Each structure stands twice: as C-alpha cells, then as structure tokens.
C-alpha cells in the first residue's frame, strides 16, 4: 500500500490563490484567530476522537488564542507544540490523526509565522479527507476533497476578515 501523503491540496488552485490574496490583507492576530477557530472546529475533533483524554491540542489552541487576543508571545507554548509535533511523528497513529495534529500545531504557530495561515490547511485537508474516505481512494478523490476543504477555509476567512486592516502581514510565498 502506498503511504498516505501528509498534505493535500494545490497551491496553484484558484482556492489557494484567493486565500493567499486575502491572507495578504489581514493582520497576524486576525489570521491567528481565524486559523485557531478553524483548527478547533475542523481538525481538533479528529484528534480528540483518537485521543479523548489528551488535552494538549485543546490547551495549545486556547493559549494561542489568548496570545493572539492580547498581543502576547507564544513562547510559552513551544514545549506543548513540540509535544504535538512529536505525536504527529508517531508511526502508530492513524494518518488522519497525524495530519490533524500537524494542522493544529501549524495553526497555533500562525501568530509567529503568517504563511502558516495557508500551510495548516494542507495538513487539515489531508486530515478531513482521510477521516471521510480512508487512505485507499484515488488521487482524484483526494484532490476533490482538498478543494472542498480549501473552499470551506476561504469562506471562513472571508467571514473573519477585517476590511482595510491597518497592519496587514508581509508574506513571501515560496510556493
């Protein structure tokens, strides 16, 4: 069996291009709050279904949200994020869970690295797709599901976006 990809999606797709243009108009706190909300709604349930007693991902989201709201530093959660990333490296974990944890950890880091506002979605698309249809479907099925996830994310960012944001992020897209 072919090993599942950790990320799904296409940076050249219309959805990604629209997301990139909208991300460029928003501030770090706005992007961080949007990413955390989306991660909590879409990817945290995948993680908690597999690890119902493990609250590290939820704690990381809550602490990062507080930092984004209060212009704080996320240095205090770096050890927690490292734990999440280590969990994602656990070869025994289901691919959907691995991708969900990576999406959450990456979303938690948007405040420091604004390009993660796009990056976490590639992991999230994989998490949602593998949860929905498993890991044995055709590439076309996964591409379609990734497109749907990016459409959902675009709609969520359009709703969260602040018109004429005073301090938009400066990003250099390397994709």
N, C-alpha and C. Protein backbone atom coordinates (compact mmCIF):
# COMPACT_ATOMS: atom_id res chain seq x y z
N UNK A 1 0.84 -1.19 0.00
CA UNK A 1 0.00 0.00 0.00
C UNK A 1 0.89 1.25 0.00
N UNK A 2 0.48 2.23 -0.75
CA UNK A 2 1.21 3.49 -0.83
C UNK A 2 0.99 4.27 0.46
N UNK A 3 2.05 4.85 0.96
CA UNK A 3 1.96 5.64 2.19
C UNK A 3 1.15 6.92 1.91
N UNK A 4 0.17 7.24 2.75
CA UNK A 4 -0.64 8.45 2.53
C UNK A 4 0.20 9.71 2.64
N UNK A 5 -0.17 10.69 1.86
CA UNK A 5 0.52 11.98 1.90
C UNK A 5 0.13 12.73 3.17
N UNK A 6 1.06 13.50 3.71
CA UNK A 6 0.79 14.29 4.92
C UNK A 6 0.02 15.55 4.60
N UNK A 7 0.08 15.97 3.35
CA UNK A 7 -0.60 17.19 2.92
C UNK A 7 -1.39 16.91 1.64
N UNK A 8 -2.53 17.57 1.53
CA UNK A 8 -3.31 17.52 0.30
C UNK A 8 -3.64 18.95 -0.11
N UNK A 9 -3.74 19.16 -1.40
CA UNK A 9 -4.08 20.49 -1.92
C UNK A 9 -3.05 20.94 -2.93
N UNK A 10 -3.40 22.02 -3.62
CA UNK A 10 -2.55 22.55 -4.68
C UNK A 10 -2.43 24.06 -4.49
N UNK A 11 -1.22 24.53 -4.27
CA UNK A 11 -1.00 25.96 -4.05
C UNK A 11 -1.37 26.79 -5.26
N UNK A 12 -1.43 26.18 -6.43
CA UNK A 12 -1.78 26.91 -7.65
C UNK A 12 -3.29 26.90 -7.92
N UNK A 13 -4.05 26.22 -7.09
CA UNK A 13 -5.50 26.15 -7.30
C UNK A 13 -6.14 27.51 -7.09
N UNK A 14 -7.29 27.75 -7.72
CA UNK A 14 -7.98 29.03 -7.52
C UNK A 14 -8.29 29.33 -6.05
N UNK A 15 -8.68 28.29 -5.30
CA UNK A 15 -8.99 28.50 -3.88
C UNK A 15 -7.76 28.97 -3.11
N UNK A 16 -6.63 28.33 -3.35
CA UNK A 16 -5.40 28.72 -2.65
C UNK A 16 -4.97 30.12 -3.06
N UNK A 17 -5.08 30.43 -4.31
CA UNK A 17 -4.69 31.76 -4.78
C UNK A 17 -5.57 32.83 -4.13
N UNK A 18 -6.87 32.57 -4.03
CA UNK A 18 -7.77 33.53 -3.37
C UNK A 18 -7.43 33.65 -1.89
N UNK A 19 -7.14 32.53 -1.26
CA UNK A 19 -6.74 32.56 0.15
C UNK A 19 -5.47 33.37 0.34
N UNK A 20 -4.50 33.17 -0.52
CA UNK A 20 -3.24 33.89 -0.42
C UNK A 20 -3.47 35.40 -0.54
N UNK A 21 -4.27 35.80 -1.49
CA UNK A 21 -4.54 37.23 -1.67
C UNK A 21 -5.27 37.81 -0.46
N UNK A 22 -6.20 37.06 0.11
CA UNK A 22 -6.93 37.54 1.28
C UNK A 22 -6.03 37.55 2.52
N UNK A 23 -5.20 36.54 2.68
CA UNK A 23 -4.26 36.49 3.80
C UNK A 23 -3.38 37.74 3.80
N UNK A 24 -2.95 38.16 2.63
CA UNK A 24 -2.07 39.33 2.50
C UNK A 24 -2.72 40.63 2.98
N UNK A 25 -4.02 40.64 3.15
CA UNK A 25 -4.72 41.86 3.58
C UNK A 25 -5.03 41.89 5.07
N UNK A 26 -4.68 40.82 5.79
CA UNK A 26 -5.06 40.69 7.19
C UNK A 26 -3.85 40.77 8.12
N UNK A 27 -4.10 41.10 9.38
CA UNK A 27 -3.04 41.19 10.39
C UNK A 27 -2.75 39.80 10.97
N UNK A 28 -1.62 39.69 11.65
CA UNK A 28 -1.26 38.43 12.30
C UNK A 28 -2.34 37.98 13.30
N UNK A 29 -2.81 38.88 14.19
CA UNK A 29 -3.83 38.42 15.14
C UNK A 29 -5.12 37.94 14.46
N UNK A 30 -5.55 38.64 13.42
CA UNK A 30 -6.76 38.22 12.71
C UNK A 30 -6.57 36.85 12.09
N UNK A 31 -5.43 36.65 11.45
CA UNK A 31 -5.14 35.36 10.82
C UNK A 31 -5.02 34.25 11.87
N UNK A 32 -4.35 34.56 12.97
CA UNK A 32 -4.18 33.56 14.03
C UNK A 32 -5.53 33.14 14.61
N UNK A 33 -6.38 34.11 14.89
CA UNK A 33 -7.69 33.78 15.46
C UNK A 33 -8.53 32.96 14.49
N UNK A 34 -8.49 33.32 13.22
CA UNK A 34 -9.21 32.55 12.20
C UNK A 34 -8.67 31.12 12.12
N UNK A 35 -7.35 30.97 12.05
CA UNK A 35 -6.74 29.65 11.94
C UNK A 35 -7.06 28.79 13.15
N UNK A 36 -7.00 29.37 14.33
CA UNK A 36 -7.29 28.62 15.55
C UNK A 36 -8.75 28.20 15.60
N UNK A 37 -9.64 29.08 15.18
CA UNK A 37 -11.06 28.73 15.17
C UNK A 37 -11.32 27.58 14.20
N UNK A 38 -10.73 27.67 13.02
CA UNK A 38 -10.91 26.62 12.03
C UNK A 38 -10.29 25.31 12.50
N UNK A 39 -9.11 25.37 13.08
CA UNK A 39 -8.45 24.16 13.59
C UNK A 39 -9.28 23.52 14.70
N UNK A 40 -9.83 24.35 15.56
CA UNK A 40 -10.64 23.81 16.66
C UNK A 40 -11.92 23.15 16.13
N UNK A 41 -12.54 23.77 15.14
CA UNK A 41 -13.79 23.25 14.60
C UNK A 41 -13.60 22.03 13.71
N UNK A 42 -12.58 22.06 12.86
CA UNK A 42 -12.44 21.05 11.81
C UNK A 42 -11.47 19.93 12.16
N UNK A 43 -10.36 20.24 12.84
CA UNK A 43 -9.29 19.25 13.00
C UNK A 43 -9.18 18.71 14.42
N UNK A 44 -9.51 19.52 15.41
CA UNK A 44 -9.45 19.04 16.79
C UNK A 44 -10.37 17.83 17.02
N UNK A 45 -11.59 17.80 16.46
CA UNK A 45 -12.44 16.61 16.66
C UNK A 45 -11.81 15.31 16.14
N UNK A 46 -11.02 15.40 15.09
CA UNK A 46 -10.34 14.21 14.56
C UNK A 46 -9.31 13.72 15.58
N UNK A 47 -8.58 14.66 16.15
CA UNK A 47 -7.57 14.34 17.16
C UNK A 47 -8.22 13.79 18.43
N UNK A 48 -9.26 14.46 18.91
CA UNK A 48 -9.87 14.04 20.18
C UNK A 48 -10.64 12.73 20.04
N UNK A 49 -11.08 12.39 18.84
CA UNK A 49 -11.72 11.08 18.65
C UNK A 49 -10.71 9.96 18.89
N UNK A 50 -9.48 10.20 18.51
CA UNK A 50 -8.42 9.20 18.71
C UNK A 50 -7.82 9.25 20.11
N UNK A 51 -7.72 10.44 20.68
CA UNK A 51 -7.11 10.64 21.99
C UNK A 51 -8.04 11.46 22.88
N UNK A 52 -9.16 10.88 23.31
CA UNK A 52 -10.16 11.67 24.05
C UNK A 52 -9.67 12.24 25.39
N UNK A 53 -8.69 11.61 26.01
CA UNK A 53 -8.21 12.10 27.31
C UNK A 53 -7.06 13.08 27.19
N UNK A 54 -6.48 13.18 26.01
CA UNK A 54 -5.32 14.05 25.80
C UNK A 54 -5.80 15.46 25.46
N UNK A 55 -5.51 16.39 26.31
CA UNK A 55 -5.99 17.77 26.15
C UNK A 55 -4.92 18.73 25.64
N UNK A 56 -3.76 18.21 25.23
CA UNK A 56 -2.67 19.09 24.80
C UNK A 56 -3.04 19.96 23.60
N UNK A 57 -3.71 19.40 22.63
CA UNK A 57 -4.06 20.19 21.44
C UNK A 57 -5.05 21.29 21.80
N UNK A 58 -6.04 20.97 22.61
CA UNK A 58 -7.00 21.98 23.04
C UNK A 58 -6.32 23.06 23.87
N UNK A 59 -5.42 22.67 24.76
CA UNK A 59 -4.67 23.65 25.55
C UNK A 59 -3.86 24.58 24.65
N UNK A 60 -3.20 24.01 23.66
CA UNK A 60 -2.39 24.82 22.75
C UNK A 60 -3.26 25.83 22.01
N UNK A 61 -4.42 25.39 21.53
CA UNK A 61 -5.33 26.30 20.83
C UNK A 61 -5.78 27.42 21.76
N UNK A 62 -6.16 27.08 22.97
CA UNK A 62 -6.64 28.10 23.92
C UNK A 62 -5.54 29.11 24.28
N UNK A 63 -4.35 28.62 24.54
CA UNK A 63 -3.25 29.52 24.90
C UNK A 63 -2.89 30.42 23.73
N UNK A 64 -2.83 29.85 22.54
CA UNK A 64 -2.51 30.67 21.35
C UNK A 64 -3.59 31.70 21.07
N UNK A 65 -4.84 31.32 21.29
CA UNK A 65 -5.94 32.27 21.09
C UNK A 65 -5.80 33.44 22.07
N UNK A 66 -5.45 33.13 23.30
CA UNK A 66 -5.25 34.19 24.30
C UNK A 66 -4.10 35.10 23.90
N UNK A 67 -3.02 34.52 23.41
CA UNK A 67 -1.88 35.32 22.94
C UNK A 67 -2.29 36.23 21.78
N UNK A 68 -3.06 35.70 20.85
CA UNK A 68 -3.48 36.50 19.68
C UNK A 68 -4.40 37.64 20.10
N UNK A 69 -5.25 37.39 21.07
CA UNK A 69 -6.18 38.43 21.53
C UNK A 69 -5.47 39.52 22.33
N UNK A 70 -4.43 39.14 23.04
CA UNK A 70 -3.76 40.08 23.93
C UNK A 70 -2.37 40.48 23.46
N UNK A 71 -2.08 40.30 22.21
CA UNK A 71 -0.77 40.63 21.64
C UNK A 71 0.37 40.00 22.43
N UNK A 72 0.14 38.78 22.86
CA UNK A 72 1.16 38.09 23.66
C UNK A 72 2.14 37.32 22.80
N UNK A 73 3.04 36.64 23.48
CA UNK A 73 4.05 35.82 22.81
C UNK A 73 3.68 34.35 22.98
N UNK A 74 3.91 33.58 21.94
CA UNK A 74 3.59 32.16 22.02
C UNK A 74 4.78 31.32 22.50
N UNK A 75 5.81 31.98 23.03
CA UNK A 75 6.99 31.24 23.51
C UNK A 75 6.61 30.23 24.59
N UNK A 76 5.61 30.58 25.40
CA UNK A 76 5.23 29.69 26.49
C UNK A 76 4.64 28.37 26.02
N UNK A 77 4.15 28.32 24.79
CA UNK A 77 3.56 27.06 24.35
C UNK A 77 4.48 26.25 23.45
N UNK A 78 5.68 26.73 23.21
CA UNK A 78 6.60 25.98 22.34
C UNK A 78 6.80 24.54 22.81
N UNK A 79 6.98 24.28 24.11
CA UNK A 79 7.12 22.88 24.53
C UNK A 79 5.87 22.04 24.20
N UNK A 80 4.70 22.64 24.35
CA UNK A 80 3.46 21.95 24.04
C UNK A 80 3.36 21.65 22.55
N UNK A 81 3.75 22.61 21.72
CA UNK A 81 3.74 22.40 20.28
C UNK A 81 4.73 21.31 19.88
N UNK A 82 5.88 21.27 20.55
CA UNK A 82 6.86 20.22 20.27
C UNK A 82 6.29 18.84 20.59
N UNK A 83 5.53 18.76 21.68
CA UNK A 83 4.88 17.50 22.03
C UNK A 83 3.88 17.09 20.96
N UNK A 84 3.11 18.06 20.47
CA UNK A 84 2.12 17.76 19.43
C UNK A 84 2.82 17.28 18.16
N UNK A 85 3.89 17.94 17.80
CA UNK A 85 4.63 17.54 16.60
C UNK A 85 5.22 16.15 16.78
N UNK A 86 5.71 15.85 17.98
CA UNK A 86 6.24 14.51 18.25
C UNK A 86 5.13 13.47 18.13
N UNK A 87 3.95 13.79 18.62
CA UNK A 87 2.82 12.88 18.50
C UNK A 87 2.51 12.64 17.02
N UNK A 88 2.61 13.67 16.21
CA UNK A 88 2.35 13.54 14.78
C UNK A 88 3.39 12.64 14.11
N UNK A 89 4.57 12.54 14.69
CA UNK A 89 5.62 11.69 14.14
C UNK A 89 5.47 10.23 14.56
N UNK A 90 4.55 9.97 15.46
CA UNK A 90 4.30 8.62 15.94
C UNK A 90 3.79 7.76 14.79
N UNK A 91 4.59 6.80 14.39
CA UNK A 91 4.24 5.95 13.24
C UNK A 91 3.01 5.09 13.49
N UNK A 92 2.62 4.90 14.74
CA UNK A 92 1.47 4.07 15.04
C UNK A 92 0.15 4.82 14.86
N UNK A 93 0.20 6.11 14.82
CA UNK A 93 -1.02 6.92 14.73
C UNK A 93 -1.64 6.80 13.34
N UNK A 94 -2.94 6.91 13.30
CA UNK A 94 -3.68 6.91 12.03
C UNK A 94 -3.29 8.13 11.22
N UNK A 95 -3.22 8.01 9.90
CA UNK A 95 -2.85 9.16 9.06
C UNK A 95 -3.73 10.39 9.27
N UNK A 96 -5.03 10.19 9.45
CA UNK A 96 -5.92 11.34 9.67
C UNK A 96 -5.55 12.07 10.95
N UNK A 97 -5.20 11.32 11.99
CA UNK A 97 -4.84 11.92 13.27
C UNK A 97 -3.50 12.64 13.16
N UNK A 98 -2.55 12.03 12.48
CA UNK A 98 -1.24 12.66 12.27
C UNK A 98 -1.43 14.00 11.57
N UNK A 99 -2.22 14.00 10.51
CA UNK A 99 -2.45 15.23 9.75
C UNK A 99 -3.20 16.27 10.58
N UNK A 100 -4.16 15.82 11.38
CA UNK A 100 -4.92 16.75 12.23
C UNK A 100 -4.00 17.41 13.25
N UNK A 101 -3.12 16.63 13.86
CA UNK A 101 -2.19 17.18 14.85
C UNK A 101 -1.24 18.17 14.18
N UNK A 102 -0.76 17.84 13.01
CA UNK A 102 0.12 18.77 12.28
C UNK A 102 -0.63 20.06 11.93
N UNK A 103 -1.88 19.93 11.53
CA UNK A 103 -2.68 21.12 11.20
C UNK A 103 -2.86 22.00 12.43
N UNK A 104 -3.15 21.40 13.56
CA UNK A 104 -3.35 22.15 14.80
C UNK A 104 -2.05 22.84 15.21
N UNK A 105 -0.95 22.11 15.21
CA UNK A 105 0.34 22.69 15.60
C UNK A 105 0.73 23.84 14.67
N UNK A 106 0.48 23.68 13.39
CA UNK A 106 0.82 24.73 12.42
C UNK A 106 -0.10 25.93 12.58
N UNK A 107 -1.38 25.69 12.84
CA UNK A 107 -2.31 26.80 13.08
C UNK A 107 -1.91 27.57 14.34
N UNK A 108 -1.44 26.86 15.34
CA UNK A 108 -1.01 27.52 16.58
C UNK A 108 0.20 28.42 16.35
N UNK A 109 0.90 28.22 15.28
CA UNK A 109 2.10 29.00 15.01
C UNK A 109 1.88 30.14 14.02
N UNK A 110 0.64 30.39 13.62
CA UNK A 110 0.35 31.46 12.66
C UNK A 110 0.76 32.82 13.21
N UNK A 111 0.62 33.03 14.50
CA UNK A 111 0.97 34.32 15.09
C UNK A 111 2.45 34.64 14.87
N UNK A 112 3.29 33.64 14.87
CA UNK A 112 4.73 33.86 14.63
C UNK A 112 5.08 33.79 13.15
N UNK A 113 4.41 32.92 12.42
CA UNK A 113 4.73 32.69 11.01
C UNK A 113 3.45 32.81 10.19
N UNK A 114 3.16 33.98 9.64
CA UNK A 114 1.89 34.19 8.95
C UNK A 114 1.63 33.27 7.76
N UNK A 115 2.69 32.78 7.11
CA UNK A 115 2.47 31.87 5.99
C UNK A 115 1.85 30.54 6.44
N UNK A 116 1.94 30.25 7.73
CA UNK A 116 1.27 29.07 8.27
C UNK A 116 -0.24 29.17 8.15
N UNK A 117 -0.76 30.39 7.92
CA UNK A 117 -2.19 30.57 7.73
C UNK A 117 -2.66 29.83 6.48
N UNK A 118 -1.77 29.59 5.56
CA UNK A 118 -2.09 28.75 4.40
C UNK A 118 -1.58 27.33 4.65
N UNK A 119 -0.41 27.21 5.23
CA UNK A 119 0.22 25.90 5.41
C UNK A 119 -0.60 24.91 6.22
N UNK A 120 -1.26 25.38 7.27
CA UNK A 120 -2.01 24.44 8.12
C UNK A 120 -3.16 23.80 7.37
N UNK A 121 -3.64 24.48 6.33
CA UNK A 121 -4.77 23.97 5.57
C UNK A 121 -4.42 22.73 4.75
N UNK A 122 -3.18 22.62 4.30
CA UNK A 122 -2.76 21.44 3.54
C UNK A 122 -2.80 20.19 4.43
N UNK A 123 -2.34 20.33 5.68
CA UNK A 123 -2.45 19.23 6.63
C UNK A 123 -3.92 18.96 6.96
N UNK A 124 -4.66 20.03 7.18
CA UNK A 124 -6.07 19.89 7.52
C UNK A 124 -6.88 19.22 6.43
N UNK A 125 -6.58 19.56 5.18
CA UNK A 125 -7.28 18.93 4.06
C UNK A 125 -7.04 17.42 4.07
N UNK A 126 -5.81 17.02 4.35
CA UNK A 126 -5.50 15.59 4.43
C UNK A 126 -6.24 14.94 5.59
N UNK A 127 -6.26 15.60 6.73
CA UNK A 127 -6.95 15.05 7.90
C UNK A 127 -8.43 14.82 7.62
N UNK A 128 -9.07 15.81 7.03
CA UNK A 128 -10.50 15.70 6.73
C UNK A 128 -10.75 14.62 5.68
N UNK A 129 -9.93 14.60 4.64
CA UNK A 129 -10.10 13.61 3.57
C UNK A 129 -9.92 12.19 4.09
N UNK A 130 -8.86 11.96 4.86
CA UNK A 130 -8.61 10.60 5.36
C UNK A 130 -9.67 10.18 6.37
N UNK A 131 -10.21 11.13 7.10
CA UNK A 131 -11.30 10.81 8.02
C UNK A 131 -12.55 10.43 7.25
N UNK A 132 -12.80 11.14 6.16
CA UNK A 132 -14.02 10.92 5.38
C UNK A 132 -13.99 9.62 4.58
N UNK A 133 -12.86 9.33 3.92
CA UNK A 133 -12.85 8.21 2.97
C UNK A 133 -11.71 7.22 3.18
N UNK A 134 -10.92 7.38 4.23
CA UNK A 134 -9.81 6.47 4.45
C UNK A 134 -8.61 6.82 3.60
N UNK A 135 -7.70 5.89 3.45
CA UNK A 135 -6.44 6.18 2.76
C UNK A 135 -6.24 5.36 1.49
N UNK A 136 -7.28 4.73 0.98
CA UNK A 136 -7.12 3.86 -0.19
C UNK A 136 -7.84 4.37 -1.43
N UNK A 137 -8.27 5.60 -1.43
CA UNK A 137 -9.00 6.15 -2.58
C UNK A 137 -8.04 6.66 -3.66
N UNK A 138 -8.61 7.01 -4.79
CA UNK A 138 -7.81 7.53 -5.90
C UNK A 138 -7.36 8.95 -5.62
N UNK A 139 -6.34 9.36 -6.33
CA UNK A 139 -5.82 10.72 -6.20
C UNK A 139 -6.91 11.76 -6.50
N UNK A 140 -7.76 11.47 -7.48
CA UNK A 140 -8.83 12.39 -7.86
C UNK A 140 -9.80 12.63 -6.70
N UNK A 141 -10.09 11.58 -5.95
CA UNK A 141 -10.99 11.72 -4.80
C UNK A 141 -10.37 12.66 -3.78
N UNK A 142 -9.09 12.47 -3.49
CA UNK A 142 -8.42 13.32 -2.51
C UNK A 142 -8.29 14.76 -3.00
N UNK A 143 -8.03 14.94 -4.27
CA UNK A 143 -7.95 16.30 -4.83
C UNK A 143 -9.29 17.02 -4.68
N UNK A 144 -10.37 16.30 -4.95
CA UNK A 144 -11.70 16.90 -4.82
C UNK A 144 -11.99 17.28 -3.36
N UNK A 145 -11.68 16.38 -2.45
CA UNK A 145 -11.91 16.67 -1.03
C UNK A 145 -11.04 17.83 -0.54
N UNK A 146 -9.82 17.91 -1.03
CA UNK A 146 -8.94 19.03 -0.66
C UNK A 146 -9.51 20.34 -1.18
N UNK A 147 -10.01 20.35 -2.41
CA UNK A 147 -10.64 21.55 -2.95
C UNK A 147 -11.81 22.00 -2.08
N UNK A 148 -12.62 21.04 -1.65
CA UNK A 148 -13.76 21.37 -0.78
C UNK A 148 -13.28 21.98 0.54
N UNK A 149 -12.23 21.42 1.11
CA UNK A 149 -11.71 21.94 2.38
C UNK A 149 -11.17 23.35 2.21
N UNK A 150 -10.49 23.61 1.12
CA UNK A 150 -9.97 24.95 0.86
C UNK A 150 -11.10 25.94 0.60
N UNK A 151 -12.17 25.50 -0.05
CA UNK A 151 -13.36 26.35 -0.23
C UNK A 151 -13.96 26.72 1.12
N UNK A 152 -14.05 25.72 1.99
CA UNK A 152 -14.58 25.96 3.34
C UNK A 152 -13.70 26.96 4.09
N UNK A 153 -12.40 26.79 4.00
CA UNK A 153 -11.46 27.69 4.68
C UNK A 153 -11.56 29.10 4.11
N UNK A 154 -11.69 29.22 2.79
CA UNK A 154 -11.81 30.54 2.16
C UNK A 154 -13.07 31.24 2.65
N UNK A 155 -14.17 30.52 2.71
CA UNK A 155 -15.42 31.12 3.19
C UNK A 155 -15.27 31.57 4.65
N UNK A 156 -14.60 30.77 5.46
CA UNK A 156 -14.40 31.13 6.87
C UNK A 156 -13.51 32.37 6.99
N UNK A 157 -12.47 32.46 6.17
CA UNK A 157 -11.59 33.63 6.24
C UNK A 157 -12.31 34.88 5.72
N UNK A 158 -13.10 34.73 4.69
CA UNK A 158 -13.87 35.87 4.18
C UNK A 158 -14.80 36.42 5.26
N UNK A 159 -15.35 35.52 6.05
CA UNK A 159 -16.23 35.92 7.15
C UNK A 159 -15.45 36.59 8.28
N UNK A 160 -14.26 36.11 8.57
CA UNK A 160 -13.45 36.64 9.67
C UNK A 160 -12.64 37.87 9.28
N UNK A 161 -12.46 38.09 8.00
CA UNK A 161 -11.59 39.18 7.51
C UNK A 161 -12.09 40.54 7.95
N UNK A 162 -11.13 41.41 8.23
CA UNK A 162 -11.42 42.80 8.61
C UNK A 162 -11.09 43.68 7.41
N UNK A 163 -12.08 44.46 6.99
CA UNK A 163 -11.87 45.35 5.85
C UNK A 163 -10.85 46.43 6.21
N UNK A 164 -9.99 46.76 5.29
CA UNK A 164 -8.99 47.81 5.47
C UNK A 164 -8.17 47.62 6.75
N UNK A 165 -7.71 46.41 6.96
CA UNK A 165 -6.87 46.09 8.13
C UNK A 165 -5.67 47.04 8.15
N UNK A 166 -5.39 47.62 9.31
CA UNK A 166 -4.33 48.63 9.41
C UNK A 166 -2.92 48.07 9.32
N UNK A 167 -2.71 46.86 9.80
CA UNK A 167 -1.37 46.28 9.82
C UNK A 167 -1.37 44.90 9.15
N UNK A 168 -1.55 44.87 7.84
CA UNK A 168 -1.56 43.56 7.18
C UNK A 168 -0.17 42.90 7.23
N UNK A 169 -0.18 41.60 7.18
CA UNK A 169 1.08 40.85 7.22
C UNK A 169 1.86 41.06 5.93
N UNK A 170 3.14 40.89 6.05
CA UNK A 170 4.00 40.89 4.87
C UNK A 170 4.46 39.45 4.68
N UNK A 171 4.03 38.86 3.59
CA UNK A 171 4.37 37.46 3.37
C UNK A 171 5.12 37.29 2.06
N UNK A 172 5.99 36.31 2.06
CA UNK A 172 6.73 35.93 0.86
C UNK A 172 6.35 34.48 0.59
N UNK A 173 5.47 34.29 -0.36
CA UNK A 173 5.00 32.95 -0.67
C UNK A 173 6.10 32.20 -1.42
N UNK A 174 6.50 31.10 -0.87
CA UNK A 174 7.53 30.28 -1.51
C UNK A 174 6.92 29.02 -2.12
N UNK A 175 5.77 29.20 -2.72
CA UNK A 175 5.12 28.03 -3.33
C UNK A 175 4.67 28.35 -4.74
